[in-house]
Amino acid sequence: MDRVEQKQPCVVNQILRFYIDGFRRMTLGKTLWKVIIIKLIIIFGVLKLFFFHDFLGTKFHTDEQRADYVLSELIRSAQAHSCSVEGER
């Protein structure tokens, strides 16, 4: 009795094939993915230009000045937070 054992596909390969086959057969899903990608492009591309200005780049000329400003703001914020917490006790 000579039995030849057949290899079963790896679980990872089965999962990968499942998703690839699912995306190939998708009809409405492809349209939804296109809408999602367009929305992400609008959010991160267009809105960034209008709402997220380069504050540090326009106010300071060197990286050292920018770093000093950020450090001082973090320290100021931490001190203000610790004072408000101590006042609540």
PDB file of N, CA and C in Angstrom:
ATOM      1  N   MET A   1       0.829  -1.182   0.000  1.00  0.00           N
ATOM      2  CA  MET A   1       0.000   0.000   0.000  1.00  0.00           C
ATOM      3  C   MET A   1       0.869   1.239   0.000  1.00  0.00           C
ATOM      4  N   ASP A   2       1.108   1.667  -1.137  1.00  0.00           N
ATOM      5  CA  ASP A   2       1.945   2.853  -1.297  1.00  0.00           C
ATOM      6  C   ASP A   2       1.040   4.071  -1.464  1.00  0.00           C
ATOM      7  N   ARG A   3       0.981   4.876  -0.410  1.00  0.00           N
ATOM      8  CA  ARG A   3       0.119   6.067  -0.455  1.00  0.00           C
ATOM      9  C   ARG A   3       0.946   7.294  -0.744  1.00  0.00           C
ATOM     10  N   VAL A   4       0.473   8.059  -1.654  1.00  0.00           N
ATOM     11  CA  VAL A   4       1.130   9.314  -1.972  1.00  0.00           C
ATOM     12  C   VAL A   4       0.368  10.419  -1.247  1.00  0.00           C
ATOM     13  N   GLU A   5       1.070  11.113  -0.372  1.00  0.00           N
ATOM     14  CA  GLU A   5       0.427  12.186   0.375  1.00  0.00           C
ATOM     15  C   GLU A   5       0.428  13.465  -0.459  1.00  0.00           C
ATOM     16  N   GLN A   6      -0.730  14.055  -0.515  1.00  0.00           N
ATOM     17  CA  GLN A   6      -0.840  15.313  -1.238  1.00  0.00           C
ATOM     18  C   GLN A   6      -0.666  16.451  -0.258  1.00  0.00           C
ATOM     19  N   LYS A   7       0.095  17.424  -0.669  1.00  0.00           N
ATOM     20  CA  LYS A   7       0.291  18.604   0.159  1.00  0.00           C
ATOM     21  C   LYS A   7      -0.934  19.490   0.082  1.00  0.00           C
ATOM     22  N   GLN A   8      -1.393  19.948   1.227  1.00  0.00           N
ATOM     23  CA  GLN A   8      -2.479  20.913   1.239  1.00  0.00           C
ATOM     24  C   GLN A   8      -1.874  22.303   1.168  1.00  0.00           C
ATOM     25  N   PRO A   9      -2.554  23.220   0.489  1.00  0.00           N
ATOM     26  CA  PRO A   9      -2.018  24.575   0.391  1.00  0.00           C
ATOM     27  C   PRO A   9      -1.906  25.213   1.775  1.00  0.00           C
ATOM     28  N   CYS A  10      -0.937  26.044   1.912  1.00  0.00           N
ATOM     29  CA  CYS A  10      -0.703  26.741   3.163  1.00  0.00           C
ATOM     30  C   CYS A  10      -1.913  27.620   3.500  1.00  0.00           C
ATOM     31  N   VAL A  11      -2.185  27.810   4.775  1.00  0.00           N
ATOM     32  CA  VAL A  11      -3.325  28.607   5.217  1.00  0.00           C
ATOM     33  C   VAL A  11      -3.192  30.045   4.717  1.00  0.00           C
ATOM     34  N   VAL A  12      -1.987  30.570   4.735  1.00  0.00           N
ATOM     35  CA  VAL A  12      -1.763  31.938   4.263  1.00  0.00           C
ATOM     36  C   VAL A  12      -2.118  32.046   2.777  1.00  0.00           C
ATOM     37  N   ASN A  13      -1.731  31.054   2.001  1.00  0.00           N
ATOM     38  CA  ASN A  13      -2.059  31.068   0.573  1.00  0.00           C
ATOM     39  C   ASN A  13      -3.565  30.982   0.348  1.00  0.00           C
ATOM     40  N   GLN A  14      -4.255  30.188   1.154  1.00  0.00           N
ATOM     41  CA  GLN A  14      -5.704  30.079   1.029  1.00  0.00           C
ATOM     42  C   GLN A  14      -6.371  31.419   1.331  1.00  0.00           C
ATOM     43  N   ILE A  15      -5.921  32.067   2.378  1.00  0.00           N
ATOM     44  CA  ILE A  15      -6.492  33.369   2.749  1.00  0.00           C
ATOM     45  C   ILE A  15      -6.218  34.395   1.660  1.00  0.00           C
ATOM     46  N   LEU A  16      -4.986  34.411   1.148  1.00  0.00           N
ATOM     47  CA  LEU A  16      -4.615  35.344   0.093  1.00  0.00           C
ATOM     48  C   LEU A  16      -5.459  35.114  -1.158  1.00  0.00           C
ATOM     49  N   ARG A  17      -5.637  33.864  -1.546  1.00  0.00           N
ATOM     50  CA  ARG A  17      -6.466  33.551  -2.718  1.00  0.00           C
ATOM     51  C   ARG A  17      -7.917  33.973  -2.504  1.00  0.00           C
ATOM     52  N   PHE A  18      -8.415  33.778  -1.271  1.00  0.00           N
ATOM     53  CA  PHE A  18      -9.788  34.167  -0.938  1.00  0.00           C
ATOM     54  C   PHE A  18      -9.999  35.654  -1.184  1.00  0.00           C
ATOM     55  N   TYR A  19      -9.077  36.497  -0.678  1.00  0.00           N
ATOM     56  CA  TYR A  19      -9.231  37.942  -0.843  1.00  0.00           C
ATOM     57  C   TYR A  19      -9.021  38.380  -2.292  1.00  0.00           C
ATOM     58  N   ILE A  20      -8.055  37.810  -2.978  1.00  0.00           N
ATOM     59  CA  ILE A  20      -7.804  38.167  -4.374  1.00  0.00           C
ATOM     60  C   ILE A  20      -9.016  37.810  -5.229  1.00  0.00           C
ATOM     61  N   ASP A  21      -9.563  36.626  -5.017  1.00  0.00           N
ATOM     62  CA  ASP A  21     -10.740  36.211  -5.771  1.00  0.00           C
ATOM     63  C   ASP A  21     -11.934  37.101  -5.432  1.00  0.00           C
ATOM     64  N   GLY A  22     -12.067  37.477  -4.183  1.00  0.00           N
ATOM     65  CA  GLY A  22     -13.163  38.360  -3.780  1.00  0.00           C
ATOM     66  C   GLY A  22     -13.075  39.719  -4.440  1.00  0.00           C
ATOM     67  N   PHE A  23     -11.874  40.292  -4.507  1.00  0.00           N
ATOM     68  CA  PHE A  23     -11.710  41.596  -5.156  1.00  0.00           C
ATOM     69  C   PHE A  23     -11.926  41.508  -6.662  1.00  0.00           C
ATOM     70  N   ARG A  24     -11.593  40.387  -7.271  1.00  0.00           N
ATOM     71  CA  ARG A  24     -11.811  40.234  -8.707  1.00  0.00           C
ATOM     72  C   ARG A  24     -13.292  40.189  -9.047  1.00  0.00           C
ATOM     73  N   ARG A  25     -14.076  39.554  -8.203  1.00  0.00           N
ATOM     74  CA  ARG A  25     -15.505  39.382  -8.479  1.00  0.00           C
ATOM     75  C   ARG A  25     -16.353  40.552  -7.998  1.00  0.00           C
ATOM     76  N   MET A  26     -15.738  41.508  -7.357  1.00  0.00           N
ATOM     77  CA  MET A  26     -16.477  42.638  -6.819  1.00  0.00           C
ATOM     78  C   MET A  26     -17.012  43.530  -7.934  1.00  0.00           C
ATOM     79  N   THR A  27     -18.242  44.004  -7.789  1.00  0.00           N
ATOM     80  CA  THR A  27     -18.776  44.967  -8.749  1.00  0.00           C
ATOM     81  C   THR A  27     -19.042  46.293  -8.038  1.00  0.00           C
ATOM     82  N   LEU A  28     -19.912  46.287  -7.073  1.00  0.00           N
ATOM     83  CA  LEU A  28     -20.211  47.507  -6.318  1.00  0.00           C
ATOM     84  C   LEU A  28     -19.021  47.917  -5.458  1.00  0.00           C
ATOM     85  N   GLY A  29     -18.303  46.952  -4.941  1.00  0.00           N
ATOM     86  CA  GLY A  29     -17.163  47.225  -4.069  1.00  0.00           C
ATOM     87  C   GLY A  29     -16.068  48.021  -4.752  1.00  0.00           C
ATOM     88  N   LYS A  30     -15.837  47.758  -6.029  1.00  0.00           N
ATOM     89  CA  LYS A  30     -14.813  48.511  -6.766  1.00  0.00           C
ATOM     90  C   LYS A  30     -15.173  49.987  -6.823  1.00  0.00           C
ATOM     91  N   THR A  31     -16.447  50.267  -7.043  1.00  0.00           N
ATOM     92  CA  THR A  31     -16.899  51.661  -7.074  1.00  0.00           C
ATOM     93  C   THR A  31     -16.734  52.304  -5.705  1.00  0.00           C
ATOM     94  N   LEU A  32     -17.063  51.560  -4.656  1.00  0.00           N
ATOM     95  CA  LEU A  32     -16.919  52.099  -3.300  1.00  0.00           C
ATOM     96  C   LEU A  32     -15.456  52.369  -2.967  1.00  0.00           C
ATOM     97  N   TRP A  33     -14.554  51.476  -3.366  1.00  0.00           N
ATOM     98  CA  TRP A  33     -13.132  51.704  -3.124  1.00  0.00           C
ATOM     99  C   TRP A  33     -12.638  52.942  -3.879  1.00  0.00           C
ATOM    100  N   LYS A  34     -13.143  53.159  -5.079  1.00  0.00           N
ATOM    101  CA  LYS A  34     -12.770  54.357  -5.839  1.00  0.00           C
ATOM    102  C   LYS A  34     -13.233  55.620  -5.110  1.00  0.00           C
ATOM    103  N   VAL A  35     -14.452  55.576  -4.560  1.00  0.00           N
ATOM    104  CA  VAL A  35     -14.969  56.722  -3.811  1.00  0.00           C
ATOM    105  C   VAL A  35     -14.115  56.977  -2.572  1.00  0.00           C
ATOM    106  N   ILE A  36     -13.729  55.914  -1.869  1.00  0.00           N
ATOM    107  CA  ILE A  36     -12.890  56.054  -0.670  1.00  0.00           C
ATOM    108  C   ILE A  36     -11.546  56.674  -1.027  1.00  0.00           C
ATOM    109  N   ILE A  37     -10.934  56.212  -2.096  1.00  0.00           N
ATOM    110  CA  ILE A  37      -9.620  56.745  -2.501  1.00  0.00           C
ATOM    111  C   ILE A  37      -9.735  58.216  -2.903  1.00  0.00           C
ATOM    112  N   ILE A  38     -10.785  58.570  -3.618  1.00  0.00           N
ATOM    113  CA  ILE A  38     -10.981  59.978  -4.003  1.00  0.00           C
ATOM    114  C   ILE A  38     -11.160  60.846  -2.764  1.00  0.00           C
ATOM    115  N   LYS A  39     -11.926  60.369  -1.792  1.00  0.00           N
ATOM    116  CA  LYS A  39     -12.129  61.128  -0.555  1.00  0.00           C
ATOM    117  C   LYS A  39     -10.820  61.315   0.203  1.00  0.00           C
ATOM    118  N   LEU A  40      -9.993  60.282   0.256  1.00  0.00           N
ATOM    119  CA  LEU A  40      -8.704  60.396   0.940  1.00  0.00           C
ATOM    120  C   LEU A  40      -7.786  61.393   0.248  1.00  0.00           C
ATOM    121  N   ILE A  41      -7.806  61.386  -1.083  1.00  0.00           N
ATOM    122  CA  ILE A  41      -6.999  62.357  -1.830  1.00  0.00           C
ATOM    123  C   ILE A  41      -7.463  63.775  -1.521  1.00  0.00           C
ATOM    124  N   ILE A  42      -8.763  63.963  -1.461  1.00  0.00           N
ATOM    125  CA  ILE A  42      -9.292  65.297  -1.143  1.00  0.00           C
ATOM    126  C   ILE A  42      -8.910  65.701   0.272  1.00  0.00           C
ATOM    127  N   ILE A  43      -9.082  64.796   1.220  1.00  0.00           N
ATOM    128  CA  ILE A  43      -8.793  65.123   2.616  1.00  0.00           C
ATOM    129  C   ILE A  43      -7.324  65.462   2.812  1.00  0.00           C
ATOM    130  N   PHE A  44      -6.442  64.589   2.347  1.00  0.00           N
ATOM    131  CA  PHE A  44      -5.022  64.784   2.619  1.00  0.00           C
ATOM    132  C   PHE A  44      -4.323  65.689   1.617  1.00  0.00           C
ATOM    133  N   GLY A  45      -4.842  65.816   0.440  1.00  0.00           N
ATOM    134  CA  GLY A  45      -4.193  66.634  -0.566  1.00  0.00           C
ATOM    135  C   GLY A  45      -4.697  68.058  -0.612  1.00  0.00           C
ATOM    136  N   VAL A  46      -5.967  68.221  -0.824  1.00  0.00           N
ATOM    137  CA  VAL A  46      -6.535  69.543  -1.043  1.00  0.00           C
ATOM    138  C   VAL A  46      -6.718  70.308   0.262  1.00  0.00           C
ATOM    139  N   LEU A  47      -7.330  69.681   1.249  1.00  0.00           N
ATOM    140  CA  LEU A  47      -7.603  70.385   2.504  1.00  0.00           C
ATOM    141  C   LEU A  47      -6.325  70.769   3.244  1.00  0.00           C
ATOM    142  N   LYS A  48      -5.270  69.987   3.065  1.00  0.00           N
ATOM    143  CA  LYS A  48      -3.990  70.303   3.705  1.00  0.00           C
ATOM    144  C   LYS A  48      -3.479  71.669   3.235  1.00  0.00           C
ATOM    145  N   LEU A  49      -3.687  71.967   1.985  1.00  0.00           N
ATOM    146  CA  LEU A  49      -3.223  73.244   1.444  1.00  0.00           C
ATOM    147  C   LEU A  49      -3.923  74.435   2.097  1.00  0.00           C
ATOM    148  N   PHE A  50      -5.205  74.267   2.448  1.00  0.00           N
ATOM    149  CA  PHE A  50      -5.977  75.383   2.979  1.00  0.00           C
ATOM    150  C   PHE A  50      -5.955  75.494   4.499  1.00  0.00           C
ATOM    151  N   PHE A  51      -5.858  74.377   5.208  1.00  0.00           N
ATOM    152  CA  PHE A  51      -6.022  74.417   6.653  1.00  0.00           C
ATOM    153  C   PHE A  51      -4.748  74.172   7.448  1.00  0.00           C
ATOM    154  N   PHE A  52      -3.725  73.606   6.861  1.00  0.00           N
ATOM    155  CA  PHE A  52      -2.513  73.286   7.597  1.00  0.00           C
ATOM    156  C   PHE A  52      -1.343  74.067   7.007  1.00  0.00           C
ATOM    157  N   HIS A  53      -1.228  75.309   7.433  1.00  0.00           N
ATOM    158  CA  HIS A  53      -0.164  76.170   6.936  1.00  0.00           C
ATOM    159  C   HIS A  53       1.169  75.795   7.574  1.00  0.00           C
ATOM    160  N   ASP A  54       2.249  76.141   6.919  1.00  0.00           N
ATOM    161  CA  ASP A  54       3.596  75.864   7.427  1.00  0.00           C
ATOM    162  C   ASP A  54       3.986  76.968   8.408  1.00  0.00           C
ATOM    163  N   PHE A  55       3.451  76.893   9.617  1.00  0.00           N
ATOM    164  CA  PHE A  55       3.658  77.925  10.622  1.00  0.00           C
ATOM    165  C   PHE A  55       5.139  78.048  11.002  1.00  0.00           C
ATOM    166  N   LEU A  56       5.773  76.928  11.300  1.00  0.00           N
ATOM    167  CA  LEU A  56       7.173  76.975  11.714  1.00  0.00           C
ATOM    168  C   LEU A  56       8.084  77.424  10.584  1.00  0.00           C
ATOM    169  N   GLY A  57       7.762  77.032   9.376  1.00  0.00           N
ATOM    170  CA  GLY A  57       8.592  77.406   8.235  1.00  0.00           C
ATOM    171  C   GLY A  57       8.531  78.890   7.910  1.00  0.00           C
ATOM    172  N   THR A  58       7.395  79.527   8.198  1.00  0.00           N
ATOM    173  CA  THR A  58       7.263  80.953   7.879  1.00  0.00           C
ATOM    174  C   THR A  58       7.732  81.852   9.012  1.00  0.00           C
ATOM    175  N   LYS A  59       7.651  81.378  10.254  1.00  0.00           N
ATOM    176  CA  LYS A  59       8.015  82.214  11.409  1.00  0.00           C
ATOM    177  C   LYS A  59       9.490  82.115  11.786  1.00  0.00           C
ATOM    178  N   PHE A  60      10.132  81.015  11.473  1.00  0.00           N
ATOM    179  CA  PHE A  60      11.515  80.789  11.894  1.00  0.00           C
ATOM    180  C   PHE A  60      12.369  80.399  10.696  1.00  0.00           C
ATOM    181  N   HIS A  61      13.645  80.762  10.762  1.00  0.00           N
ATOM    182  CA  HIS A  61      14.530  80.541   9.624  1.00  0.00           C
ATOM    183  C   HIS A  61      15.388  79.288   9.748  1.00  0.00           C
ATOM    184  N   THR A  62      15.723  78.879  10.978  1.00  0.00           N
ATOM    185  CA  THR A  62      16.606  77.720  11.146  1.00  0.00           C
ATOM    186  C   THR A  62      15.886  76.619  11.918  1.00  0.00           C
ATOM    187  N   ASP A  63      16.423  75.426  11.803  1.00  0.00           N
ATOM    188  CA  ASP A  63      15.860  74.289  12.534  1.00  0.00           C
ATOM    189  C   ASP A  63      16.028  74.466  14.040  1.00  0.00           C
ATOM    190  N   GLU A  64      17.112  75.098  14.443  1.00  0.00           N
ATOM    191  CA  GLU A  64      17.348  75.320  15.873  1.00  0.00           C
ATOM    192  C   GLU A  64      16.280  76.248  16.465  1.00  0.00           C
ATOM    193  N   GLN A  65      15.917  77.287  15.735  1.00  0.00           N
ATOM    194  CA  GLN A  65      14.869  78.194  16.202  1.00  0.00           C
ATOM    195  C   GLN A  65      13.524  77.465  16.299  1.00  0.00           C
ATOM    196  N   ARG A  66      13.253  76.630  15.319  1.00  0.00           N
ATOM    197  CA  ARG A  66      12.003  75.855  15.339  1.00  0.00           C
ATOM    198  C   ARG A  66      11.977  74.906  16.529  1.00  0.00           C
ATOM    199  N   ALA A  67      13.093  74.220  16.764  1.00  0.00           N
ATOM    200  CA  ALA A  67      13.167  73.276  17.880  1.00  0.00           C
ATOM    201  C   ALA A  67      13.003  73.995  19.214  1.00  0.00           C
ATOM    202  N   ASP A  68      13.633  75.158  19.371  1.00  0.00           N
ATOM    203  CA  ASP A  68      13.498  75.926  20.609  1.00  0.00           C
ATOM    204  C   ASP A  68      12.051  76.356  20.837  1.00  0.00           C
ATOM    205  N   TYR A  69      11.379  76.783  19.781  1.00  0.00           N
ATOM    206  CA  TYR A  69       9.998  77.209  19.909  1.00  0.00           C
ATOM    207  C   TYR A  69       9.101  76.039  20.328  1.00  0.00           C
ATOM    208  N   VAL A  70       9.269  74.891  19.680  1.00  0.00           N
ATOM    209  CA  VAL A  70       8.450  73.724  19.999  1.00  0.00           C
ATOM    210  C   VAL A  70       8.703  73.280  21.438  1.00  0.00           C
ATOM    211  N   LEU A  71       9.967  73.260  21.858  1.00  0.00           N
ATOM    212  CA  LEU A  71      10.305  72.878  23.228  1.00  0.00           C
ATOM    213  C   LEU A  71       9.685  73.833  24.246  1.00  0.00           C
ATOM    214  N   SER A  72       9.769  75.136  23.975  1.00  0.00           N
ATOM    215  CA  SER A  72       9.204  76.107  24.919  1.00  0.00           C
ATOM    216  C   SER A  72       7.683  75.973  24.993  1.00  0.00           C
ATOM    217  N   GLU A  73       7.029  75.691  23.864  1.00  0.00           N
ATOM    218  CA  GLU A  73       5.571  75.507  23.878  1.00  0.00           C
ATOM    219  C   GLU A  73       5.172  74.244  24.632  1.00  0.00           C
ATOM    220  N   LEU A  74       5.955  73.171  24.480  1.00  0.00           N
ATOM    221  CA  LEU A  74       5.661  71.944  25.218  1.00  0.00           C
ATOM    222  C   LEU A  74       5.828  72.148  26.720  1.00  0.00           C
ATOM    223  N   ILE A  75       6.889  72.855  27.109  1.00  0.00           N
ATOM    224  CA  ILE A  75       7.123  73.123  28.528  1.00  0.00           C
ATOM    225  C   ILE A  75       6.021  74.016  29.080  1.00  0.00           C
ATOM    226  N   ARG A  76       5.653  75.045  28.342  1.00  0.00           N
ATOM    227  CA  ARG A  76       4.596  75.953  28.787  1.00  0.00           C
ATOM    228  C   ARG A  76       3.273  75.204  28.950  1.00  0.00           C
ATOM    229  N   SER A  77       2.969  74.328  28.013  1.00  0.00           N
ATOM    230  CA  SER A  77       1.734  73.553  28.070  1.00  0.00           C
ATOM    231  C   SER A  77       1.742  72.594  29.262  1.00  0.00           C
ATOM    232  N   ALA A  78       2.881  71.957  29.504  1.00  0.00           N
ATOM    233  CA  ALA A  78       2.984  71.027  30.629  1.00  0.00           C
ATOM    234  C   ALA A  78       2.858  71.764  31.958  1.00  0.00           C
ATOM    235  N   GLN A  79       3.462  72.944  32.059  1.00  0.00           N
ATOM    236  CA  GLN A  79       3.371  73.724  33.294  1.00  0.00           C
ATOM    237  C   GLN A  79       1.938  74.200  33.523  1.00  0.00           C
ATOM    238  N   ALA A  80       1.268  74.617  32.494  1.00  0.00           N
ATOM    239  CA  ALA A  80      -0.122  75.064  32.627  1.00  0.00           C
ATOM    240  C   ALA A  80      -1.014  73.902  33.038  1.00  0.00           C
ATOM    241  N   HIS A  81      -0.739  72.733  32.503  1.00  0.00           N
ATOM    242  CA  HIS A  81      -1.530  71.557  32.853  1.00  0.00           C
ATOM    243  C   HIS A  81      -1.285  71.156  34.305  1.00  0.00           C
ATOM    244  N   SER A  82      -0.021  71.184  34.746  1.00  0.00           N
ATOM    245  CA  SER A  82       0.279  70.786  36.124  1.00  0.00           C
ATOM    246  C   SER A  82      -0.301  71.776  37.101  1.00  0.00           C
ATOM    247  N   CYS A  83      -0.341  73.062  36.782  1.00  0.00           N
ATOM    248  CA  CYS A  83      -0.934  74.052  37.677  1.00  0.00           C
ATOM    249  C   CYS A  83      -2.441  73.844  37.801  1.00  0.00           C
ATOM    250  N   SER A  84      -3.109  73.510  36.711  1.00  0.00           N
ATOM    251  CA  SER A  84      -4.543  73.294  36.756  1.00  0.00           C
ATOM    252  C   SER A  84      -4.873  72.023  37.524  1.00  0.00           C
ATOM    253  N   VAL A  85      -4.042  71.008  37.456  1.00  0.00           N
ATOM    254  CA  VAL A  85      -4.270  69.757  38.190  1.00  0.00           C
ATOM    255  C   VAL A  85      -4.069  69.990  39.676  1.00  0.00           C
ATOM    256  N   GLU A  86      -3.043  70.758  40.066  1.00  0.00           N
ATOM    257  CA  GLU A  86      -2.796  71.049  41.471  1.00  0.00           C
ATOM    258  C   GLU A  86      -3.908  71.909  42.062  1.00  0.00           C
ATOM    259  N   GLY A  87      -4.487  72.770  41.264  1.00  0.00           N
ATOM    260  CA  GLY A  87      -5.580  73.621  41.732  1.00  0.00           C
ATOM    261  C   GLY A  87      -6.849  72.856  42.003  1.00  0.00           C
ATOM    262  N   GLU A  88      -7.015  71.673  41.376  1.00  0.00           N
ATOM    263  CA  GLU A  88      -8.219  70.884  41.557  1.00  0.00           C
ATOM    264  C   GLU A  88      -8.165  70.067  42.842  1.00  0.00           C
ATOM    265  N   ARG A  89      -6.984  69.887  43.409  1.00  0.00           N
ATOM    266  CA  ARG A  89      -6.846  69.051  44.614  1.00  0.00           C
ATOM    267  C   ARG A  89      -7.307  69.735  45.824  1.00  0.00           C
TER     268      ARG A  89
END
